[in-house]
Every structure is written in structure tokens, then in C-alpha cells.
Protein backbone atom coordinates (compact mmCIF):
# COMPACT_ATOMS: atom_id res chain seq x y z
CA UNK A 1 144.94 66.56 -89.47
CA UNK A 2 147.72 64.82 -91.37
CA UNK A 3 151.12 66.31 -92.16
CA UNK A 4 150.52 65.78 -95.87
CA UNK A 5 147.82 68.46 -95.72
CA UNK A 6 149.50 70.79 -93.22
CA UNK A 7 153.29 70.87 -93.47
CA UNK A 8 153.35 74.30 -91.80
CA UNK A 9 151.89 72.83 -88.59
CA UNK A 10 154.20 69.80 -88.66
CA UNK A 11 157.63 71.27 -89.36
CA UNK A 12 158.16 73.02 -85.99
CA UNK A 13 157.36 69.80 -84.13
CA UNK A 14 159.58 67.74 -86.43
CA UNK A 15 162.43 70.19 -85.83
CA UNK A 16 161.87 70.11 -82.06
CA UNK A 17 162.00 66.33 -82.12
CA UNK A 18 165.28 66.31 -84.06
CA UNK A 19 166.86 68.84 -81.70
CA UNK A 20 165.74 67.08 -78.52
CA UNK A 21 166.78 63.63 -79.73
CA UNK A 22 170.17 65.05 -80.76
CA UNK A 23 170.57 66.53 -77.27
CA UNK A 24 169.73 63.17 -75.72
CA UNK A 25 172.13 61.36 -78.03
CA UNK A 26 174.99 63.72 -77.20
CA UNK A 27 174.37 63.50 -73.47
CA UNK A 28 174.08 59.71 -73.43
CA UNK A 29 176.73 58.63 -75.95
CA UNK A 30 179.53 61.20 -75.76
CA UNK A 31 182.34 59.46 -73.87
CA UNK A 32 184.74 62.42 -73.71
CA UNK A 33 186.04 63.35 -70.26
CA UNK A 34 184.34 60.54 -68.37
CA UNK A 35 186.41 61.37 -65.29
CA UNK A 36 184.61 64.68 -64.96
CA UNK A 37 181.20 63.57 -66.21
CA UNK A 38 178.34 64.21 -63.77
CA UNK A 39 176.33 60.98 -63.85
CA UNK A 40 173.17 59.41 -62.47
CA UNK A 41 173.83 55.72 -61.91
CA UNK A 42 170.68 53.60 -62.22
CA UNK A 43 170.50 50.20 -60.51
CA UNK A 44 167.09 48.68 -61.26
CA UNK A 45 165.70 45.85 -59.18
CA UNK A 46 162.55 43.75 -59.47
CA UNK A 47 159.60 45.63 -60.95
CA UNK A 48 156.00 44.51 -61.37
CA UNK A 49 155.50 44.97 -65.10
CA UNK A 50 157.13 45.48 -68.47
CA UNK A 51 155.83 49.02 -68.95
CA UNK A 52 156.86 49.87 -65.39
CA UNK A 53 160.42 48.84 -66.29
CA UNK A 54 160.32 51.15 -69.30
CA UNK A 55 158.75 54.02 -67.36
CA UNK A 56 161.21 53.70 -64.49
CA UNK A 57 164.13 54.19 -66.84
CA UNK A 58 162.25 56.99 -68.60
CA UNK A 59 161.81 58.71 -65.24
CA UNK A 60 165.51 58.28 -64.50
CA UNK A 61 166.44 59.68 -67.91
CA UNK A 62 164.19 62.68 -67.28
CA UNK A 63 165.89 63.23 -63.94
CA UNK A 64 169.32 63.08 -65.54
CA UNK A 65 168.31 65.55 -68.27
CA UNK A 66 166.73 67.90 -65.72
CA UNK A 67 169.92 68.02 -63.64
CA UNK A 68 172.50 68.02 -66.43
CA UNK A 69 173.70 64.47 -65.84
CA UNK A 70 174.33 61.40 -67.98
CA UNK A 71 172.30 58.32 -67.08
CA UNK A 72 174.43 55.21 -66.61
CA UNK A 73 172.59 51.92 -66.32
CA UNK A 74 173.93 49.01 -64.33
CA UNK A 75 174.88 46.51 -67.07
CA UNK A 76 174.14 43.60 -64.71
CA UNK A 77 170.40 44.29 -64.68
CA UNK A 78 168.13 41.92 -66.59
CA UNK A 79 164.44 42.37 -67.25
CA UNK A 80 162.10 39.89 -65.58
CA UNK A 81 160.56 39.36 -69.02
CA UNK A 82 163.79 38.38 -70.73
CA UNK A 83 165.29 35.64 -68.58
CA UNK A 84 164.00 32.83 -70.79
CA UNK A 85 164.12 34.60 -74.13
CA UNK A 86 166.69 33.34 -76.61
CA UNK A 87 167.79 36.88 -77.45
CA UNK A 88 168.19 37.91 -73.81
CA UNK A 89 171.94 37.38 -73.83
CA UNK A 90 172.51 39.80 -76.69
CA UNK A 91 173.41 42.65 -74.34
CA UNK A 92 171.73 45.99 -73.78
CA UNK A 93 169.66 46.86 -70.75
CA UNK A 94 167.61 43.90 -69.73
CA UNK A 95 169.09 41.93 -72.64
CA UNK A 96 166.36 43.44 -74.82
CA UNK A 97 167.50 46.91 -75.74
CA UNK A 98 170.38 48.77 -77.29
CA UNK A 99 171.90 50.91 -74.59
CA UNK A 100 175.57 51.83 -74.40
CA UNK A 101 176.80 53.62 -71.32
CA UNK A 102 178.78 56.68 -72.35
CA UNK A 103 181.23 56.02 -69.52
CA UNK A 104 182.17 52.95 -67.45
CA UNK A 105 179.64 52.02 -64.78
CA UNK A 106 181.18 52.10 -61.31
CA UNK A 107 179.83 49.16 -59.33
CA UNK A 108 180.97 50.74 -56.05
CA UNK A 109 178.18 52.89 -54.56
CA UNK A 110 178.97 56.59 -54.13
CA UNK A 111 179.47 57.93 -50.62
CA UNK A 112 179.21 61.32 -48.99
CA UNK A 113 183.01 61.50 -48.74
CA UNK A 114 183.61 61.39 -52.48
CA UNK A 115 185.24 64.54 -53.88
CA UNK A 116 183.01 67.03 -55.62
CA UNK A 117 183.63 68.05 -59.17
CA UNK A 118 184.91 71.48 -58.18
CA UNK A 119 187.87 69.74 -56.51
CA UNK A 120 189.17 68.18 -59.71
CA UNK A 121 187.14 69.43 -62.68
CA UNK A 122 186.42 73.06 -61.94
CA UNK A 123 182.62 72.76 -61.96
CA UNK A 124 182.14 75.89 -59.84
CA UNK A 125 184.46 77.90 -62.07
CA UNK A 126 182.40 76.79 -65.08
CA UNK A 127 179.14 77.70 -63.28
CA UNK A 128 180.05 80.81 -61.28
CA UNK A 129 176.43 81.88 -60.80
CA UNK A 130 174.94 78.52 -59.75
CA UNK A 131 174.98 79.77 -56.17
CA UNK A 132 174.96 76.29 -54.59
CA UNK A 133 176.42 76.42 -51.08
CA UNK A 134 179.72 74.53 -50.74
CA UNK A 135 178.50 72.13 -48.05
CA UNK A 136 174.92 71.76 -49.21
CA UNK A 137 173.91 68.11 -49.11
CA UNK A 138 170.19 68.46 -49.50
CA UNK A 139 167.56 71.13 -49.20
CA UNK A 140 164.30 71.02 -47.30
CA UNK A 141 162.31 71.62 -50.45
CA UNK A 142 160.28 68.83 -52.01
CA UNK A 143 160.59 70.60 -55.37
CA UNK A 144 164.35 71.07 -55.60
CA UNK A 145 167.35 69.14 -54.30
CA UNK A 146 170.87 70.46 -54.58
CA UNK A 147 172.24 66.92 -54.37
CA UNK A 148 171.20 66.33 -57.99
CA UNK A 149 171.57 69.83 -59.39
CA UNK A 150 174.90 70.50 -57.71
CA UNK A 151 178.50 69.60 -58.52
CA UNK A 152 178.62 66.07 -57.06
CA UNK A 153 180.23 63.67 -59.49
CA UNK A 154 177.95 60.67 -58.90
CA UNK A 155 174.39 60.14 -57.74
CA UNK A 156 172.75 56.75 -57.65
CA UNK A 157 169.14 55.68 -58.26
CA UNK A 158 168.31 52.30 -56.77
CA UNK A 159 164.99 50.79 -57.77
CA UNK A 160 163.13 48.32 -55.60
CA UNK A 161 160.14 47.58 -53.44
CA UNK A 162 160.00 49.90 -50.41
CA UNK A 163 159.18 47.21 -47.86
CA UNK A 164 161.66 44.70 -49.20
CA UNK A 165 164.42 47.24 -49.73
CA UNK A 166 164.69 48.62 -46.20
CA UNK A 167 166.88 45.81 -44.96
CA UNK A 168 169.26 46.22 -47.86
CA UNK A 169 169.22 50.00 -48.01
CA UNK A 170 169.28 50.89 -44.33
CA UNK A 171 173.01 51.30 -43.87
CA UNK A 172 173.80 52.85 -47.25
CA UNK A 173 174.57 56.52 -47.68
CA UNK A 174 173.09 58.79 -50.30
CA UNK A 175 171.07 56.22 -52.22
CA UNK A 176 167.87 56.95 -54.03
CA UNK A 177 165.20 54.37 -54.60
CA UNK A 178 161.78 54.11 -56.12
CA UNK A 179 159.09 52.89 -53.80
CA UNK A 180 157.63 50.13 -55.97
CA UNK A 181 154.39 50.09 -53.99
CA UNK A 182 153.50 53.78 -54.26
CA UNK A 183 155.66 54.49 -57.30
CA UNK A 184 157.30 57.40 -55.52
CA UNK A 185 160.90 58.48 -55.52
CA UNK A 186 162.61 58.99 -52.18
CA UNK A 187 166.09 59.09 -50.71
CA UNK A 188 167.87 57.33 -47.90
CA UNK A 189 170.97 58.59 -46.16
CA UNK A 190 172.70 58.02 -42.88
CA UNK A 191 173.14 54.62 -41.29
CA UNK A 192 171.79 52.43 -38.55
CA UNK A 193 168.83 53.67 -36.56
CA UNK A 194 169.34 57.23 -37.73
CA UNK A 195 168.72 56.30 -41.35
CA UNK A 196 165.19 56.59 -42.62
CA UNK A 197 163.30 57.09 -45.87
CA UNK A 198 163.52 60.88 -45.86
CA UNK A 199 164.74 63.76 -47.95
CA UNK A 200 162.50 62.99 -50.97
CA UNK A 201 163.96 63.87 -54.31
CA UNK A 202 161.87 66.30 -56.35
CA UNK A 203 158.50 64.85 -57.31
CA UNK A 204 158.68 66.98 -60.42
CA UNK A 205 161.94 67.39 -62.31
CA UNK A 206 161.12 69.23 -65.54
CA UNK A 207 163.71 69.36 -68.27
CA UNK A 208 164.68 73.04 -68.39
CA UNK A 209 163.07 75.11 -71.15
CA UNK A 210 161.75 72.13 -73.12
CA UNK A 211 158.78 71.39 -70.87
CA UNK A 212 157.74 75.03 -70.78
CA UNK A 213 157.73 75.15 -74.57
CA UNK A 214 156.33 71.73 -75.47
CA UNK A 215 154.73 70.27 -72.34
CA UNK A 216 155.45 67.31 -70.07
CA UNK A 217 153.65 64.76 -72.24
CA UNK A 218 155.74 65.68 -75.28
CA UNK A 219 159.00 65.55 -73.31
CA UNK A 220 158.13 62.19 -71.72
CA UNK A 221 157.17 60.81 -75.12
CA UNK A 222 160.59 61.80 -76.50
CA UNK A 223 162.41 60.23 -73.55
CA UNK A 224 160.55 56.93 -73.91
CA UNK A 225 161.07 57.01 -77.68
CA UNK A 226 164.83 57.41 -77.16
CA UNK A 227 164.85 54.33 -74.93
CA UNK A 228 162.62 52.28 -77.27
CA UNK A 229 165.52 50.79 -79.24
CA UNK A 230 165.29 46.99 -79.31
CA UNK A 231 168.50 45.03 -79.60
CA UNK A 232 169.49 43.78 -83.04
CA UNK A 233 168.26 40.27 -82.26
CA UNK A 234 164.87 41.52 -81.03
CA UNK A 235 164.58 43.92 -83.96
CA UNK A 236 164.95 41.04 -86.41
CA UNK A 237 162.19 39.13 -84.62
CA UNK A 238 159.88 42.14 -84.62
CA UNK A 239 160.47 42.83 -88.31
CA UNK A 240 159.60 39.27 -89.25
CA UNK A 241 156.71 38.83 -86.82
CA UNK A 242 153.51 37.91 -88.71
CA UNK A 243 151.31 40.27 -86.70
CA UNK A 244 153.43 43.33 -87.41
CA UNK A 245 153.98 42.28 -91.02
CA UNK A 246 150.23 42.14 -91.50
CA UNK A 247 149.73 45.61 -90.02
CA UNK A 248 152.41 46.97 -92.32
CA UNK A 249 150.59 45.43 -95.29
CA UNK A 250 152.71 42.33 -95.84
CA UNK A 251 151.32 38.79 -95.84
CA UNK A 252 151.68 36.58 -92.75
CA UNK A 253 154.73 34.34 -92.91
CA UNK A 254 154.40 30.57 -93.15
CA UNK A 255 150.60 30.71 -92.77
CA UNK A 256 151.03 31.46 -89.06
CA UNK A 257 148.04 30.70 -86.88
CA UNK A 258 148.84 33.81 -84.85
CA UNK A 259 147.30 35.83 -87.66
CA UNK A 260 143.77 34.52 -87.28
CA UNK A 261 141.41 37.43 -87.72
CA UNK A 262 137.82 37.92 -86.66
CA UNK A 263 135.58 38.99 -89.52
CA UNK A 264 138.00 39.39 -92.40
CA UNK A 265 140.47 36.81 -93.63
CA UNK A 266 142.90 39.02 -95.54
CA UNK A 267 145.69 41.32 -94.40
CA UNK A 268 145.05 45.07 -94.58
CA UNK A 269 146.32 46.88 -97.64
CA UNK A 270 149.73 48.55 -97.56
CA UNK A 271 149.70 51.65 -95.34
CA UNK A 272 146.08 51.10 -94.38
CA UNK A 273 145.36 53.06 -91.18
CA UNK A 274 144.18 51.18 -88.13
CA UNK A 275 142.98 51.69 -84.58
CA UNK A 276 144.80 50.26 -81.57
CA UNK A 277 142.69 48.93 -78.68
CA UNK A 278 144.32 48.33 -75.33
CA UNK A 279 141.90 46.64 -72.93
CA UNK A 280 143.27 45.84 -69.49
CA UNK A 281 140.55 43.72 -67.93
CA UNK A 282 142.12 41.52 -65.27
CA UNK A 283 144.00 42.40 -62.09
CA UNK A 284 143.75 46.19 -62.24
CA UNK A 285 139.94 46.21 -62.25
CA UNK A 286 139.89 46.38 -58.40
CA UNK A 287 142.56 49.13 -58.56
CA UNK A 288 140.39 51.16 -60.95
CA UNK A 289 137.53 51.01 -58.48
CA UNK A 290 139.70 51.78 -55.47
CA UNK A 291 141.84 54.61 -56.87
CA UNK A 292 139.54 56.15 -59.47
CA UNK A 293 136.01 55.11 -58.44
CA UNK A 294 135.21 53.63 -61.87
CA UNK A 295 133.42 50.42 -62.79
CA UNK A 296 135.54 48.66 -65.42
CA UNK A 297 132.64 46.43 -66.41
CA UNK A 298 131.06 49.58 -67.83
CA UNK A 299 134.00 51.76 -68.91
CA UNK A 300 135.95 48.84 -70.42
CA UNK A 301 133.09 46.94 -71.94
CA UNK A 302 133.84 45.89 -75.50
CA UNK A 303 130.79 47.76 -76.72
CA UNK A 304 132.18 51.01 -75.26
CA UNK A 305 135.41 50.53 -77.21
CA UNK A 306 133.49 49.81 -80.40
CA UNK A 307 131.31 52.87 -79.88
CA UNK A 308 134.45 54.98 -79.90
CA UNK A 309 135.84 53.15 -82.93
CA UNK A 310 132.60 53.90 -84.79
CA UNK A 311 132.98 57.57 -83.82
CA UNK A 312 136.52 57.65 -85.27
CA UNK A 313 135.31 56.14 -88.51
CA UNK A 314 132.36 58.50 -88.66
CA UNK A 315 134.13 61.75 -87.81
CA UNK A 316 137.83 61.28 -88.62
CA UNK A 317 138.48 58.53 -91.13
CA UNK A 318 135.59 56.87 -93.00
CA UNK A 319 137.91 54.32 -94.64
CA UNK A 320 139.26 52.78 -91.44
CA UNK A 321 138.26 49.16 -90.85
CA UNK A 322 141.10 47.42 -88.99
CA UNK A 323 141.59 47.23 -85.21
CA UNK A 324 144.62 45.84 -83.42
CA UNK A 325 143.44 44.28 -80.17
CA UNK A 326 145.89 44.24 -77.26
CA UNK A 327 144.28 42.68 -74.19
CA UNK A 328 145.11 40.51 -71.19
CA UNK A 329 141.57 39.11 -71.13
CA UNK A 330 140.27 35.98 -72.82
CA UNK A 331 136.79 37.44 -72.46
CA UNK A 332 137.69 40.48 -74.58
CA UNK A 333 139.32 38.33 -77.24
CA UNK A 334 136.13 36.29 -77.52
CA UNK A 335 134.05 39.48 -77.66
CA UNK A 336 135.96 40.61 -80.75
CA UNK A 337 134.72 37.51 -82.59
CA UNK A 338 131.05 38.49 -82.33
CA UNK A 339 129.64 38.40 -85.91
CA UNK A 340 128.09 41.85 -85.50
CA UNK A 341 131.51 43.52 -85.84
CA UNK A 342 132.31 41.78 -89.10
CA UNK A 343 128.85 42.73 -90.38
CA UNK A 344 129.69 46.36 -89.57
CA UNK A 345 132.90 46.13 -91.62
CA UNK A 346 135.41 45.72 -88.80
CA UNK A 347 138.25 43.21 -88.67
CA UNK A 348 140.63 42.46 -85.82
CA UNK A 349 144.32 41.64 -85.62
CA UNK A 350 145.79 40.23 -82.44
CA UNK A 351 148.72 38.20 -81.17
CA UNK A 352 147.54 34.76 -80.09
CA UNK A 353 150.72 34.11 -78.13
CA UNK A 354 150.20 36.93 -75.64
CA UNK A 355 149.39 35.89 -72.08
CA UNK A 356 145.69 36.15 -71.27
CA UNK A 357 143.48 35.09 -68.39
CA UNK A 358 140.02 35.56 -66.90
CA UNK A 359 141.19 36.16 -63.33
CA UNK A 360 141.47 39.39 -61.36
CA UNK A 361 144.20 37.98 -59.11
CA UNK A 362 146.80 40.65 -58.36
CA UNK A 363 149.89 40.41 -60.60
CA UNK A 364 148.71 37.05 -61.97
CA UNK A 365 151.32 37.19 -64.75
CA UNK A 366 154.17 36.72 -62.25
CA UNK A 367 153.43 33.01 -62.13
CA UNK A 368 152.11 32.62 -65.67
CA UNK A 369 155.36 32.53 -67.59
CA UNK A 370 156.16 36.23 -68.04
CA UNK A 371 159.88 35.32 -68.18
CA UNK A 372 159.41 34.30 -71.79
CA UNK A 373 156.93 37.00 -72.80
CA UNK A 374 159.30 39.82 -73.74
CA UNK A 375 158.74 39.52 -77.48
CA UNK A 376 154.95 39.20 -77.20
CA UNK A 377 154.65 42.27 -74.97
CA UNK A 378 156.90 44.21 -77.34
CA UNK A 379 154.76 43.15 -80.31
CA UNK A 380 151.69 44.56 -78.55
CA UNK A 381 153.39 47.85 -77.68
CA UNK A 382 154.95 48.18 -81.14
CA UNK A 383 151.58 47.63 -82.82
CA UNK A 384 150.05 50.30 -80.58
CA UNK A 385 153.00 52.62 -81.21
CA UNK A 386 152.39 52.52 -84.96
CA UNK A 387 148.58 52.77 -84.82
CA UNK A 388 146.87 55.81 -86.30
CA UNK A 389 144.41 56.00 -83.41
CA UNK A 390 144.47 54.63 -79.87
CA UNK A 391 141.68 53.78 -77.45
CA UNK A 392 142.39 52.66 -73.89
CA UNK A 393 142.70 53.67 -70.25
CA UNK A 394 145.48 55.87 -68.91
CA UNK A 395 145.26 53.98 -65.64
CA UNK A 396 147.28 51.30 -67.40
CA UNK A 397 151.05 51.68 -67.52
CA UNK A 398 151.08 49.88 -70.87
CA UNK A 399 148.56 52.25 -72.45
CA UNK A 400 150.41 55.32 -71.14
CA UNK A 401 153.65 53.93 -72.61
CA UNK A 402 151.94 53.16 -75.92
CA UNK A 403 150.41 56.66 -76.06
CA UNK A 404 153.79 58.26 -75.39
CA UNK A 405 155.56 56.22 -78.06
CA UNK A 406 152.70 56.75 -80.51
CA UNK A 407 152.83 60.51 -80.01
CA UNK A 408 156.59 60.59 -80.52
CA UNK A 409 156.34 58.43 -83.64
CA UNK A 410 153.55 60.31 -85.43
CA UNK A 411 153.58 63.98 -84.39
CA UNK A 412 155.47 66.11 -86.87
CA UNK A 413 155.82 63.22 -89.30
CA UNK A 414 152.39 61.72 -89.98
CA UNK A 415 149.97 63.90 -88.01
CA UNK A 416 149.95 67.39 -86.55
CA UNK A 417 150.27 67.86 -82.79
CA UNK A 418 146.65 69.02 -82.64
CA UNK A 419 145.15 65.98 -84.38
CA UNK A 420 142.72 64.12 -82.13
CA UNK A 421 144.00 60.54 -82.20
CA UNK A 422 144.35 59.17 -78.65
CA UNK A 423 141.17 58.52 -76.68
CA UNK A 424 140.53 57.47 -73.08
CA UNK A 425 137.54 55.28 -72.26
CA UNK A 426 137.44 56.92 -68.84
CA UNK A 427 137.70 60.56 -67.84
CA UNK A 428 141.23 59.87 -66.63
CA UNK A 429 143.88 61.93 -68.39
CA UNK A 430 147.51 60.95 -68.98
CA UNK A 431 149.80 61.24 -65.98
CA UNK A 432 153.41 60.30 -65.27
CA UNK A 433 153.79 57.33 -62.89
CA UNK A 434 156.61 56.92 -62.12
């Protein structure tokens, strides 16, 4: 159901969005009293994918909100996708995004000997009923950790591969890292042989009150939406990109070949609704079989996607005819050009410059030029973010990110929270990872 026909259902969600985004903005941009600000310092390392980079910072932002801290990002970090992009030197995290630390980032890692806030800022006087023991360093619970919720001035989140990080992390005190293999958060403390990956931080760190009222998916969507702020240079490129201009109803610029369409040779009309396909059909096919017991050749067949598109047109929007195709597979791109889809009234928009392959080699994009693919990946995600309907697999980090951003963009503004718009081709529901 659209908001134009049900303003009563939309207004509470629109108000909740405004309030939550305001809270985020105040927490992340207010630079008053930096000396006494409780912060979570985030030091990202190498991560496997673009969406994983985004989700890692979203997870860190959730942790900071859950524990009353401000997230500070190491300004030295650069995304693996931006190193060859001409806008990568424009600042912001990874050189791609607008992110201003509310307070100066301290490059020196925190230690156990650092003074607590109660020593200089009166944290305990301001929170007389917190009940946190004066010498509590960590609790035995896997659901709660006083290190983050307590009065300590600084906590640090270090992101990296578990196996590769041990040599670097072994002698450091009170560091937190994300295990890049299992996508789990854990802590290291101590030094030498006594140090070990122990004392896991909470696996679940809900933002107080908000997640009980609106749910984890809504909260995560708002966190990712807050972070989805491209730098000024990237924003200009996105606004002028022929693919996105076509989806918004404008003509392709300069007759760009990247706007070739299967079936229909004209751009969709202004504000015409469209469906977003995300078809991951390369290196995570073995993972789908191993972790979820699904055969991607069946669940992610192009005909299965089209069956669901036909159902949307039949039951939800009889006027819809345009599909944005985001895929890493040359096979799926060719499948979209089958004349039967044009005969059925479907047309496809896609970005020809996106990396695609026919291999199932693990992390094939590492050696295929991902360093210059920042803009193309962002075009795909932005097109999915704006789509009226989405079809894909929640196994994919990219589709989960797109679904989160899409939900944040539309709910309360274009569609009601109860509108059925996001569909999974497998019986795998959304989950947070990391």
C-alpha cells in the first residue's frame, strides 16, 4: 500500500525515522566536550566485499548506539574499492563517503591503565543507578559486557581477518576485532602466551527501546541509511550517471552505450515504478549449498526471478514493466536478452561497466580490478535502493544492504511498513551479518 492512499499508516513511521536520524546526527556530529565523550574507535582493515565494508561500519554504529558511545572512524582507512578511483582522495571514510568524526581520532590504542570517565568527568555521579562495579573489566556473559556499557572513555574496534590478525593483535590489550572468516565479533586482551581470542563482545547489542518498538531490521536499515552518504564528488557522478538518470526518467547522457536495454529502446517515463533484481550467481553458489543446502541453479534461475516479477505485476502493480538487473554473472545478463521477455512487455536496465564473470572461483573479484569499481558497485546499490520492489537472496551481503537501504528510503514516505515489496527467491529470511 502506498503512502498516498494511507497517510495514517505512514506518518508514525516517518516520525520515527526523523527522530532516530536526529538522534544519530546528534550523537555523531556534536563535538561539545570531546574530552569527556565516551567513544568507540573503529579501525577497519581489509574486508572481502563492498557490502561487507558497509555492514561492518553499520554493526559498529549499532554497537556505539547500544552502549551510548560516539563512533569515531580511523581517517586513515581507505576502501579496497576506492584506491584507483579519481574521487577517492576527496576525504570521508574510504574516500567515498561523507563522514566527519565528532571528536579527534586518537591514533594511540587505548590501554587498561587509562583513567575511567568517573575520574575526570563524573560519569558515575551522572549515572548513580548504573550499578557497574568499579573494577569490572568484563563479564562472563555473552549477552552483555560492562567494558562497552560502562564508564571507560575509549573502546576500540579493530577489523581484520582472524587468522591474519593474530600476529598483530596478540600483544595488544583491550582490542576488539571482527573475525573476517566467520563474521563474528570477539575481543583480545592480555599479552604474550596468556592472550587469546576470548571474552566475546555481545553477539546481540540492541539499541535500547528502539528495537523493541520497531524491530531489528528497521533499526539496521536506519543505521545503514545514515552511513549511505556519498562524498560530494561521488554524488555528482551518481547524479549524472546514465543508468540512474534513466531510472529517474531522464534520457541517457551522450548516447551512452551503458544504457543498452533488452526489449525496449526507450527510457522509462518519469517516476515509473520498477523492480530491482539482484542475482548473485558466481562464487557464493558453493556457499549457498554448504551453509543453506540450496541449489542456486534452481533458486536463482532467471526464470524463477521472472516468475516472481510476473506475480508482482499481476497482484501488486499491473503497470510495472521495467526491471533493473544487478548481477555478477555474464550468464544472467545474456538471459535477460531472451526475446520472450520483451514479448511479455518487460524491459531491462543494467550497468554494462559492472564486473561480471562466469566463474565460481572464491572471491574472484579480488584480482579482477575491484580497486576501480567503487562507482559501479554504488550505482547498482543505489538503483536497488530506489526500486519499488526487490527480488534477490538474503544470503548475499549486497542484497541485504540493498533491502535495508530500500526499506529506509521508502517506508513512511512512499509505501507503508506493511506493504509487501521485498521478496526472497529462497526461504532464507533477512539476518544481520555482521
